[in-house]
Amino acid sequence: MQGKSQLAILLSLFLALFSAALALFSLALLGLLLLGVSPPGAPLLGPFPSFQERMAFDLALWALFGVQHSVMARAPFKSWLHRVAPFLSERTAYVFFSAVVTLALVLLWQPLPTSIWKLSPPFSFLADGIGILGFLLALISSSLIDGLELVGLRRPLLALEGRSYEGPRFVTPLFYRVIRHPIQAGVILLLWGSARMNADRLFMAICGTLYILIALPLEERDLEEKHGEAYRSYRARVPRLIPRIRRGN
């Protein structure tokens, strides 16, 4: 019996490691796509003939991305997954399917190469600097809360050590004292911060920003249910995405 339990833990850890690696790979490809570099052979279905068809298909890809990320992050789905696959951490499943959907977005994305703007110095330095700032903000903020839990590795590693997972603690380090969602704020800056903007990136920026604005209220509802008064007090003090400008007396 103990051998079966150890085998289940090792299987869970392997799945978590594979999912984390796949997620990092898909995010790297998405970053390259934002820079205008498509993977070899993409789009897998070949470019559609008209601009309208391409945009409609890309919108469908973003809709799939949004639905998957939102549905799998909700409590009812987590409860269902725990019933049908108790050996699989819901975080691992979320990371894996998020990676698969992100890969689909990258590999099936229909190119929209029309140029929107091309800035010259010094404005180009400012625009690219905003994008770099957004990347760093998202990266650092991710590591502040619990990077291992974010990629689905925390629970199987604790199980391997014979310790139980007690759930994420409610903490507000560094940027989280200024805005409630610095990761998402960083992603928005990354999407829009570019000296060269073509229709591809503009469409991604619009869809990505809309997804974040729609998904955040759902995420905050879950956080309030999980942390209660502590999160309600935090929400009352700290703005969602844009820092408050403090005025002197």
C-alpha atoms as a PDB file:
ATOM      1  CA  MET A   1       0.000   0.000   0.000  1.00  0.00           C
ATOM      2  CA  GLN A   2       2.842   2.353   0.906  1.00  0.00           C
ATOM      3  CA  GLY A   3       4.580   1.512  -2.371  1.00  0.00           C
ATOM      4  CA  LYS A   4       1.458   2.462  -4.326  1.00  0.00           C
ATOM      5  CA  SER A   5       1.246   5.742  -2.421  1.00  0.00           C
ATOM      6  CA  GLN A   6       4.898   6.548  -3.164  1.00  0.00           C
ATOM      7  CA  LEU A   7       4.364   5.677  -6.819  1.00  0.00           C
ATOM      8  CA  ALA A   8       1.370   8.040  -6.977  1.00  0.00           C
ATOM      9  CA  ILE A   9       3.471  10.842  -5.472  1.00  0.00           C
ATOM     10  CA  LEU A  10       6.269  10.270  -8.000  1.00  0.00           C
ATOM     11  CA  LEU A  11       3.741  10.201 -10.847  1.00  0.00           C
ATOM     12  CA  SER A  12       2.230  13.462  -9.585  1.00  0.00           C
ATOM     13  CA  LEU A  13       5.689  15.038  -9.397  1.00  0.00           C
ATOM     14  CA  PHE A  14       6.570  13.884 -12.927  1.00  0.00           C
ATOM     15  CA  LEU A  15       3.326  15.317 -14.309  1.00  0.00           C
ATOM     16  CA  ALA A  16       3.957  18.589 -12.476  1.00  0.00           C
ATOM     17  CA  LEU A  17       7.521  18.852 -13.812  1.00  0.00           C
ATOM     18  CA  PHE A  18       6.379  18.084 -17.353  1.00  0.00           C
ATOM     19  CA  SER A  19       3.540  20.620 -17.123  1.00  0.00           C
ATOM     20  CA  ALA A  20       5.842  23.314 -15.735  1.00  0.00           C
ATOM     21  CA  ALA A  21       8.400  22.738 -18.492  1.00  0.00           C
ATOM     22  CA  LEU A  22       5.672  22.816 -21.148  1.00  0.00           C
ATOM     23  CA  ALA A  23       4.285  26.040 -19.672  1.00  0.00           C
ATOM     24  CA  LEU A  24       7.682  27.767 -19.738  1.00  0.00           C
ATOM     25  CA  PHE A  25       8.218  26.610 -23.332  1.00  0.00           C
ATOM     26  CA  SER A  26       4.794  27.891 -24.424  1.00  0.00           C
ATOM     27  CA  LEU A  27       5.377  31.252 -22.719  1.00  0.00           C
ATOM     28  CA  ALA A  28       8.739  31.581 -24.471  1.00  0.00           C
ATOM     29  CA  LEU A  29       7.070  30.960 -27.841  1.00  0.00           C
ATOM     30  CA  LEU A  30       4.345  33.470 -26.991  1.00  0.00           C
ATOM     31  CA  GLY A  31       7.009  36.036 -26.131  1.00  0.00           C
ATOM     32  CA  LEU A  32       8.684  35.457 -29.491  1.00  0.00           C
ATOM     33  CA  LEU A  33       5.338  35.845 -31.242  1.00  0.00           C
ATOM     34  CA  LEU A  34       4.875  39.193 -29.510  1.00  0.00           C
ATOM     35  CA  LEU A  35       8.251  40.201 -30.943  1.00  0.00           C
ATOM     36  CA  GLY A  36       7.076  39.179 -34.411  1.00  0.00           C
ATOM     37  CA  VAL A  37       8.894  35.821 -34.549  1.00  0.00           C
ATOM     38  CA  SER A  38       6.651  32.863 -35.420  1.00  0.00           C
ATOM     39  CA  PRO A  39       7.715  29.222 -34.835  1.00  0.00           C
ATOM     40  CA  PRO A  40       8.813  27.277 -37.956  1.00  0.00           C
ATOM     41  CA  GLY A  41       5.787  25.945 -39.836  1.00  0.00           C
ATOM     42  CA  ALA A  42       3.310  28.279 -38.144  1.00  0.00           C
ATOM     43  CA  PRO A  43       0.475  28.791 -38.663  1.00  0.00           C
ATOM     44  CA  LEU A  44      -0.181  25.068 -38.843  1.00  0.00           C
ATOM     45  CA  LEU A  45      -3.390  25.578 -40.809  1.00  0.00           C
ATOM     46  CA  GLY A  46      -1.744  27.966 -43.249  1.00  0.00           C
ATOM     47  CA  PRO A  47      -2.659  31.644 -43.544  1.00  0.00           C
ATOM     48  CA  PHE A  48      -6.281  32.331 -44.369  1.00  0.00           C
ATOM     49  CA  PRO A  49      -6.915  34.408 -47.508  1.00  0.00           C
ATOM     50  CA  SER A  50      -8.662  37.438 -46.008  1.00  0.00           C
ATOM     51  CA  PHE A  51      -7.777  39.747 -43.131  1.00  0.00           C
ATOM     52  CA  GLN A  52     -11.279  39.384 -41.671  1.00  0.00           C
ATOM     53  CA  GLU A  53     -11.032  35.576 -41.592  1.00  0.00           C
ATOM     54  CA  ARG A  54      -7.672  35.750 -39.865  1.00  0.00           C
ATOM     55  CA  MET A  55      -8.921  38.186 -37.242  1.00  0.00           C
ATOM     56  CA  ALA A  56     -12.041  36.094 -36.570  1.00  0.00           C
ATOM     57  CA  PHE A  57      -9.944  32.944 -36.109  1.00  0.00           C
ATOM     58  CA  ASP A  58      -7.474  34.730 -33.818  1.00  0.00           C
ATOM     59  CA  LEU A  59     -10.393  36.037 -31.772  1.00  0.00           C
ATOM     60  CA  ALA A  60     -11.655  32.458 -31.410  1.00  0.00           C
ATOM     61  CA  LEU A  61      -8.210  31.397 -30.169  1.00  0.00           C
ATOM     62  CA  TRP A  62      -8.273  34.144 -27.553  1.00  0.00           C
ATOM     63  CA  ALA A  63     -11.787  33.118 -26.529  1.00  0.00           C
ATOM     64  CA  LEU A  64     -10.548  29.543 -26.015  1.00  0.00           C
ATOM     65  CA  PHE A  65      -7.618  30.906 -23.987  1.00  0.00           C
ATOM     66  CA  GLY A  66      -9.921  32.973 -21.789  1.00  0.00           C
ATOM     67  CA  VAL A  67     -12.516  30.256 -21.204  1.00  0.00           C
ATOM     68  CA  GLN A  68      -9.912  27.634 -20.289  1.00  0.00           C
ATOM     69  CA  HIS A  69      -8.045  29.932 -17.893  1.00  0.00           C
ATOM     70  CA  SER A  70     -11.226  31.143 -16.204  1.00  0.00           C
ATOM     71  CA  VAL A  71     -13.149  27.862 -15.940  1.00  0.00           C
ATOM     72  CA  MET A  72     -10.229  25.798 -14.643  1.00  0.00           C
ATOM     73  CA  ALA A  73      -9.406  28.422 -12.007  1.00  0.00           C
ATOM     74  CA  ARG A  74     -12.863  28.234 -10.419  1.00  0.00           C
ATOM     75  CA  ALA A  75     -13.718  26.135  -7.364  1.00  0.00           C
ATOM     76  CA  PRO A  76     -16.416  23.930  -9.003  1.00  0.00           C
ATOM     77  CA  PHE A  77     -13.953  22.663 -11.596  1.00  0.00           C
ATOM     78  CA  LYS A  78     -11.323  21.992  -8.926  1.00  0.00           C
ATOM     79  CA  SER A  79     -13.832  19.969  -6.905  1.00  0.00           C
ATOM     80  CA  TRP A  80     -14.845  17.965  -9.985  1.00  0.00           C
ATOM     81  CA  LEU A  81     -11.222  17.266 -10.890  1.00  0.00           C
ATOM     82  CA  HIS A  82     -10.442  16.094  -7.361  1.00  0.00           C
ATOM     83  CA  ARG A  83     -13.289  13.575  -7.615  1.00  0.00           C
ATOM     84  CA  VAL A  84     -12.365  12.129 -11.012  1.00  0.00           C
ATOM     85  CA  ALA A  85      -8.552  12.294 -10.705  1.00  0.00           C
ATOM     86  CA  PRO A  86      -7.521  12.525  -7.018  1.00  0.00           C
ATOM     87  CA  PHE A  87      -3.894  11.719  -7.890  1.00  0.00           C
ATOM     88  CA  LEU A  88      -3.629  14.865 -10.011  1.00  0.00           C
ATOM     89  CA  SER A  89      -3.173  18.278  -8.419  1.00  0.00           C
ATOM     90  CA  GLU A  90      -5.645  20.797  -9.808  1.00  0.00           C
ATOM     91  CA  ARG A  91      -2.762  23.252 -10.131  1.00  0.00           C
ATOM     92  CA  THR A  92      -0.833  20.785 -12.285  1.00  0.00           C
ATOM     93  CA  ALA A  93      -3.888  20.297 -14.488  1.00  0.00           C
ATOM     94  CA  TYR A  94      -4.349  24.051 -14.768  1.00  0.00           C
ATOM     95  CA  VAL A  95      -0.711  24.602 -15.731  1.00  0.00           C
ATOM     96  CA  PHE A  96      -0.760  21.756 -18.276  1.00  0.00           C
ATOM     97  CA  PHE A  97      -3.933  22.796 -20.082  1.00  0.00           C
ATOM     98  CA  SER A  98      -2.928  26.454 -19.955  1.00  0.00           C
ATOM     99  CA  ALA A  99       0.317  25.484 -21.697  1.00  0.00           C
ATOM    100  CA  VAL A 100      -1.558  23.441 -24.318  1.00  0.00           C
ATOM    101  CA  VAL A 101      -3.948  26.322 -25.063  1.00  0.00           C
ATOM    102  CA  THR A 102      -1.053  28.795 -25.222  1.00  0.00           C
ATOM    103  CA  LEU A 103       0.766  26.513 -27.676  1.00  0.00           C
ATOM    104  CA  ALA A 104      -2.411  26.346 -29.775  1.00  0.00           C
ATOM    105  CA  LEU A 105      -2.595  30.130 -29.727  1.00  0.00           C
ATOM    106  CA  VAL A 106       0.994  30.427 -30.950  1.00  0.00           C
ATOM    107  CA  LEU A 107       0.996  27.613 -33.508  1.00  0.00           C
ATOM    108  CA  LEU A 108      -2.408  28.392 -35.012  1.00  0.00           C
ATOM    109  CA  TRP A 109      -2.201  32.191 -34.844  1.00  0.00           C
ATOM    110  CA  GLN A 110      -3.096  33.801 -38.154  1.00  0.00           C
ATOM    111  CA  PRO A 111      -0.605  36.600 -38.933  1.00  0.00           C
ATOM    112  CA  LEU A 112      -1.861  40.192 -39.145  1.00  0.00           C
ATOM    113  CA  PRO A 113       1.274  41.933 -40.412  1.00  0.00           C
ATOM    114  CA  THR A 114      -0.174  45.404 -41.091  1.00  0.00           C
ATOM    115  CA  SER A 115       1.985  48.094 -39.441  1.00  0.00           C
ATOM    116  CA  ILE A 116       0.193  50.348 -36.946  1.00  0.00           C
ATOM    117  CA  TRP A 117       3.024  52.527 -35.645  1.00  0.00           C
ATOM    118  CA  LYS A 118       6.799  52.724 -35.619  1.00  0.00           C
ATOM    119  CA  LEU A 119       8.263  55.180 -33.141  1.00  0.00           C
ATOM    120  CA  SER A 120      11.589  56.948 -33.438  1.00  0.00           C
ATOM    121  CA  PRO A 121      13.980  57.902 -30.611  1.00  0.00           C
ATOM    122  CA  PRO A 122      13.499  59.067 -27.921  1.00  0.00           C
ATOM    123  CA  PHE A 123       9.876  57.822 -27.956  1.00  0.00           C
ATOM    124  CA  SER A 124      10.952  54.357 -29.130  1.00  0.00           C
ATOM    125  CA  PHE A 125      13.186  53.988 -26.052  1.00  0.00           C
ATOM    126  CA  LEU A 126      10.287  55.012 -23.813  1.00  0.00           C
ATOM    127  CA  ALA A 127       7.851  52.552 -25.430  1.00  0.00           C
ATOM    128  CA  ASP A 128      10.275  49.625 -25.318  1.00  0.00           C
ATOM    129  CA  GLY A 129      11.212  50.577 -21.755  1.00  0.00           C
ATOM    130  CA  ILE A 130       7.560  50.285 -20.730  1.00  0.00           C
ATOM    131  CA  GLY A 131       7.474  46.777 -22.195  1.00  0.00           C
ATOM    132  CA  ILE A 132      10.667  45.768 -20.362  1.00  0.00           C
ATOM    133  CA  LEU A 133       9.325  47.278 -17.141  1.00  0.00           C
ATOM    134  CA  GLY A 134       6.145  45.256 -17.540  1.00  0.00           C
ATOM    135  CA  PHE A 135       8.098  42.030 -18.081  1.00  0.00           C
ATOM    136  CA  LEU A 136      10.201  42.625 -14.959  1.00  0.00           C
ATOM    137  CA  LEU A 137       7.148  43.582 -12.898  1.00  0.00           C
ATOM    138  CA  ALA A 138       5.310  40.382 -13.884  1.00  0.00           C
ATOM    139  CA  LEU A 139       8.393  38.190 -13.362  1.00  0.00           C
ATOM    140  CA  ILE A 140       9.349  39.594  -9.954  1.00  0.00           C
ATOM    141  CA  SER A 141       5.750  39.659  -8.722  1.00  0.00           C
ATOM    142  CA  SER A 142       5.343  35.990  -9.697  1.00  0.00           C
ATOM    143  CA  SER A 143       8.373  35.016  -7.631  1.00  0.00           C
ATOM    144  CA  LEU A 144       7.224  37.033  -4.614  1.00  0.00           C
ATOM    145  CA  ILE A 145       4.068  35.041  -3.908  1.00  0.00           C
ATOM    146  CA  ASP A 146       5.214  31.428  -4.496  1.00  0.00           C
ATOM    147  CA  GLY A 147       6.835  30.547  -7.798  1.00  0.00           C
ATOM    148  CA  LEU A 148       6.706  26.802  -7.135  1.00  0.00           C
ATOM    149  CA  GLU A 149       2.963  26.891  -6.453  1.00  0.00           C
ATOM    150  CA  LEU A 150       2.405  29.059  -9.511  1.00  0.00           C
ATOM    151  CA  VAL A 151       3.897  26.400 -11.810  1.00  0.00           C
ATOM    152  CA  GLY A 152       2.289  23.506  -9.909  1.00  0.00           C
ATOM    153  CA  LEU A 153       5.358  22.066  -8.163  1.00  0.00           C
ATOM    154  CA  ARG A 154       4.745  23.012  -4.529  1.00  0.00           C
ATOM    155  CA  ARG A 155       2.208  20.296  -3.679  1.00  0.00           C
ATOM    156  CA  PRO A 156       3.969  17.256  -5.180  1.00  0.00           C
ATOM    157  CA  LEU A 157       7.274  18.357  -3.625  1.00  0.00           C
ATOM    158  CA  LEU A 158       5.651  18.625  -0.203  1.00  0.00           C
ATOM    159  CA  ALA A 159       4.034  15.202  -0.700  1.00  0.00           C
ATOM    160  CA  LEU A 160       7.425  13.741  -1.554  1.00  0.00           C
ATOM    161  CA  GLU A 161       8.742  15.076   1.773  1.00  0.00           C
ATOM    162  CA  GLY A 162       5.748  13.592   3.600  1.00  0.00           C
ATOM    163  CA  ARG A 163       4.212  16.979   4.390  1.00  0.00           C
ATOM    164  CA  SER A 164       0.685  18.112   3.634  1.00  0.00           C
ATOM    165  CA  TYR A 165      -0.250  21.174   1.619  1.00  0.00           C
ATOM    166  CA  GLU A 166      -1.951  23.793   3.777  1.00  0.00           C
ATOM    167  CA  GLY A 167      -2.938  26.159   0.987  1.00  0.00           C
ATOM    168  CA  PRO A 168      -1.488  29.513  -0.006  1.00  0.00           C
ATOM    169  CA  ARG A 169      -1.057  32.105   2.725  1.00  0.00           C
ATOM    170  CA  PHE A 170      -2.438  35.586   2.194  1.00  0.00           C
ATOM    171  CA  VAL A 171       0.628  37.819   1.926  1.00  0.00           C
ATOM    172  CA  THR A 172       1.176  41.239   0.326  1.00  0.00           C
ATOM    173  CA  PRO A 173       4.907  41.699  -0.300  1.00  0.00           C
ATOM    174  CA  LEU A 174       6.512  44.647  -2.126  1.00  0.00           C
ATOM    175  CA  PHE A 175       4.439  45.523  -5.236  1.00  0.00           C
ATOM    176  CA  TYR A 176       1.341  43.911  -3.691  1.00  0.00           C
ATOM    177  CA  ARG A 177       1.264  46.774  -1.187  1.00  0.00           C
ATOM    178  CA  VAL A 178       0.857  49.247  -4.065  1.00  0.00           C
ATOM    179  CA  ILE A 179      -1.575  47.388  -6.372  1.00  0.00           C
ATOM    180  CA  ARG A 180      -3.499  44.146  -5.848  1.00  0.00           C
ATOM    181  CA  HIS A 181      -2.526  42.516  -9.152  1.00  0.00           C
ATOM    182  CA  PRO A 182       1.029  43.466 -10.166  1.00  0.00           C
ATOM    183  CA  ILE A 183       1.445  40.366 -12.361  1.00  0.00           C
ATOM    184  CA  GLN A 184      -1.492  41.338 -14.533  1.00  0.00           C
ATOM    185  CA  ALA A 185      -0.433  44.991 -14.536  1.00  0.00           C
ATOM    186  CA  GLY A 186       2.989  43.896 -15.754  1.00  0.00           C
ATOM    187  CA  VAL A 187       1.459  41.789 -18.523  1.00  0.00           C
ATOM    188  CA  ILE A 188      -0.603  44.762 -19.726  1.00  0.00           C
ATOM    189  CA  LEU A 189       2.502  46.972 -19.836  1.00  0.00           C
ATOM    190  CA  LEU A 190       4.370  44.217 -21.682  1.00  0.00           C
ATOM    191  CA  LEU A 191       1.608  43.848 -24.265  1.00  0.00           C
ATOM    192  CA  TRP A 192       1.378  47.564 -25.036  1.00  0.00           C
ATOM    193  CA  GLY A 193       5.002  48.634 -24.517  1.00  0.00           C
ATOM    194  CA  SER A 194       6.565  48.435 -27.974  1.00  0.00           C
ATOM    195  CA  ALA A 195       8.136  50.952 -30.353  1.00  0.00           C
ATOM    196  CA  ARG A 196       6.905  48.854 -33.281  1.00  0.00           C
ATOM    197  CA  MET A 197       3.262  47.903 -33.236  1.00  0.00           C
ATOM    198  CA  ASN A 198       1.688  45.864 -36.003  1.00  0.00           C
ATOM    199  CA  ALA A 199      -1.870  44.543 -36.194  1.00  0.00           C
ATOM    200  CA  ASP A 200      -0.696  41.212 -34.714  1.00  0.00           C
ATOM    201  CA  ARG A 201       0.551  42.714 -31.477  1.00  0.00           C
ATOM    202  CA  LEU A 202      -2.208  45.308 -31.275  1.00  0.00           C
ATOM    203  CA  PHE A 203      -4.859  42.596 -31.513  1.00  0.00           C
ATOM    204  CA  MET A 204      -3.029  40.531 -28.884  1.00  0.00           C
ATOM    205  CA  ALA A 205      -2.748  43.571 -26.633  1.00  0.00           C
ATOM    206  CA  ILE A 206      -6.453  44.340 -26.939  1.00  0.00           C
ATOM    207  CA  CYS A 207      -7.556  40.720 -26.379  1.00  0.00           C
ATOM    208  CA  GLY A 208      -5.093  40.151 -23.537  1.00  0.00           C
ATOM    209  CA  THR A 209      -6.101  43.340 -21.761  1.00  0.00           C
ATOM    210  CA  LEU A 210      -9.821  42.577 -22.127  1.00  0.00           C
ATOM    211  CA  TYR A 211      -9.285  39.067 -20.766  1.00  0.00           C
ATOM    212  CA  ILE A 212      -7.461  40.437 -17.707  1.00  0.00           C
ATOM    213  CA  LEU A 213     -10.142  43.052 -17.015  1.00  0.00           C
ATOM    214  CA  ILE A 214     -12.902  40.425 -17.299  1.00  0.00           C
ATOM    215  CA  ALA A 215     -11.092  37.715 -15.299  1.00  0.00           C
ATOM    216  CA  LEU A 216      -9.899  39.822 -12.351  1.00  0.00           C
ATOM    217  CA  PRO A 217     -13.340  40.278 -10.726  1.00  0.00           C
ATOM    218  CA  LEU A 218     -13.835  36.486 -10.850  1.00  0.00           C
ATOM    219  CA  GLU A 219     -10.415  35.919  -9.280  1.00  0.00           C
ATOM    220  CA  GLU A 220     -11.099  38.497  -6.576  1.00  0.00           C
ATOM    221  CA  ARG A 221     -14.410  36.821  -5.737  1.00  0.00           C
ATOM    222  CA  ASP A 222     -12.536  33.548  -5.173  1.00  0.00           C
ATOM    223  CA  LEU A 223      -9.901  35.315  -3.059  1.00  0.00           C
ATOM    224  CA  GLU A 224     -12.595  36.919  -0.920  1.00  0.00           C
ATOM    225  CA  GLU A 225     -14.277  33.556  -0.359  1.00  0.00           C
ATOM    226  CA  LYS A 226     -10.935  32.003   0.575  1.00  0.00           C
ATOM    227  CA  HIS A 227      -9.474  34.747   2.808  1.00  0.00           C
ATOM    228  CA  GLY A 228     -12.605  36.542   4.016  1.00  0.00           C
ATOM    229  CA  GLU A 229     -12.236  39.809   5.900  1.00  0.00           C
ATOM    230  CA  ALA A 230      -8.466  39.938   5.374  1.00  0.00           C
ATOM    231  CA  TYR A 231      -8.939  40.234   1.613  1.00  0.00           C
ATOM    232  CA  ARG A 232     -11.914  42.609   1.895  1.00  0.00           C
ATOM    233  CA  SER A 233      -9.816  44.956   4.014  1.00  0.00           C
ATOM    234  CA  TYR A 234      -6.905  44.653   1.575  1.00  0.00           C
ATOM    235  CA  ARG A 235      -9.190  45.405  -1.382  1.00  0.00           C
ATOM    236  CA  ALA A 236     -10.519  48.503   0.352  1.00  0.00           C
ATOM    237  CA  ARG A 237      -6.985  49.835   0.956  1.00  0.00           C
ATOM    238  CA  VAL A 238      -5.121  48.907  -2.214  1.00  0.00           C
ATOM    239  CA  PRO A 239      -6.171  49.679  -5.812  1.00  0.00           C
ATOM    240  CA  ARG A 240      -6.540  46.911  -8.387  1.00  0.00           C
ATOM    241  CA  LEU A 241      -4.127  47.824 -11.207  1.00  0.00           C
ATOM    242  CA  ILE A 242      -3.268  51.534 -11.106  1.00  0.00           C
ATOM    243  CA  PRO A 243      -1.369  52.909  -8.065  1.00  0.00           C
ATOM    244  CA  ARG A 244      -2.927  55.748  -6.155  1.00  0.00           C
ATOM    245  CA  ILE A 245      -1.094  59.025  -6.254  1.00  0.00           C
ATOM    246  CA  ARG A 246      -0.727  60.202  -2.686  1.00  0.00           C
ATOM    247  CA  ARG A 247      -1.161  63.907  -2.264  1.00  0.00           C
ATOM    248  CA  GLY A 248       0.568  65.781   0.482  1.00  0.00           C
ATOM    249  CA  ASN A 249      -1.365  67.848   2.981  1.00  0.00           C
END
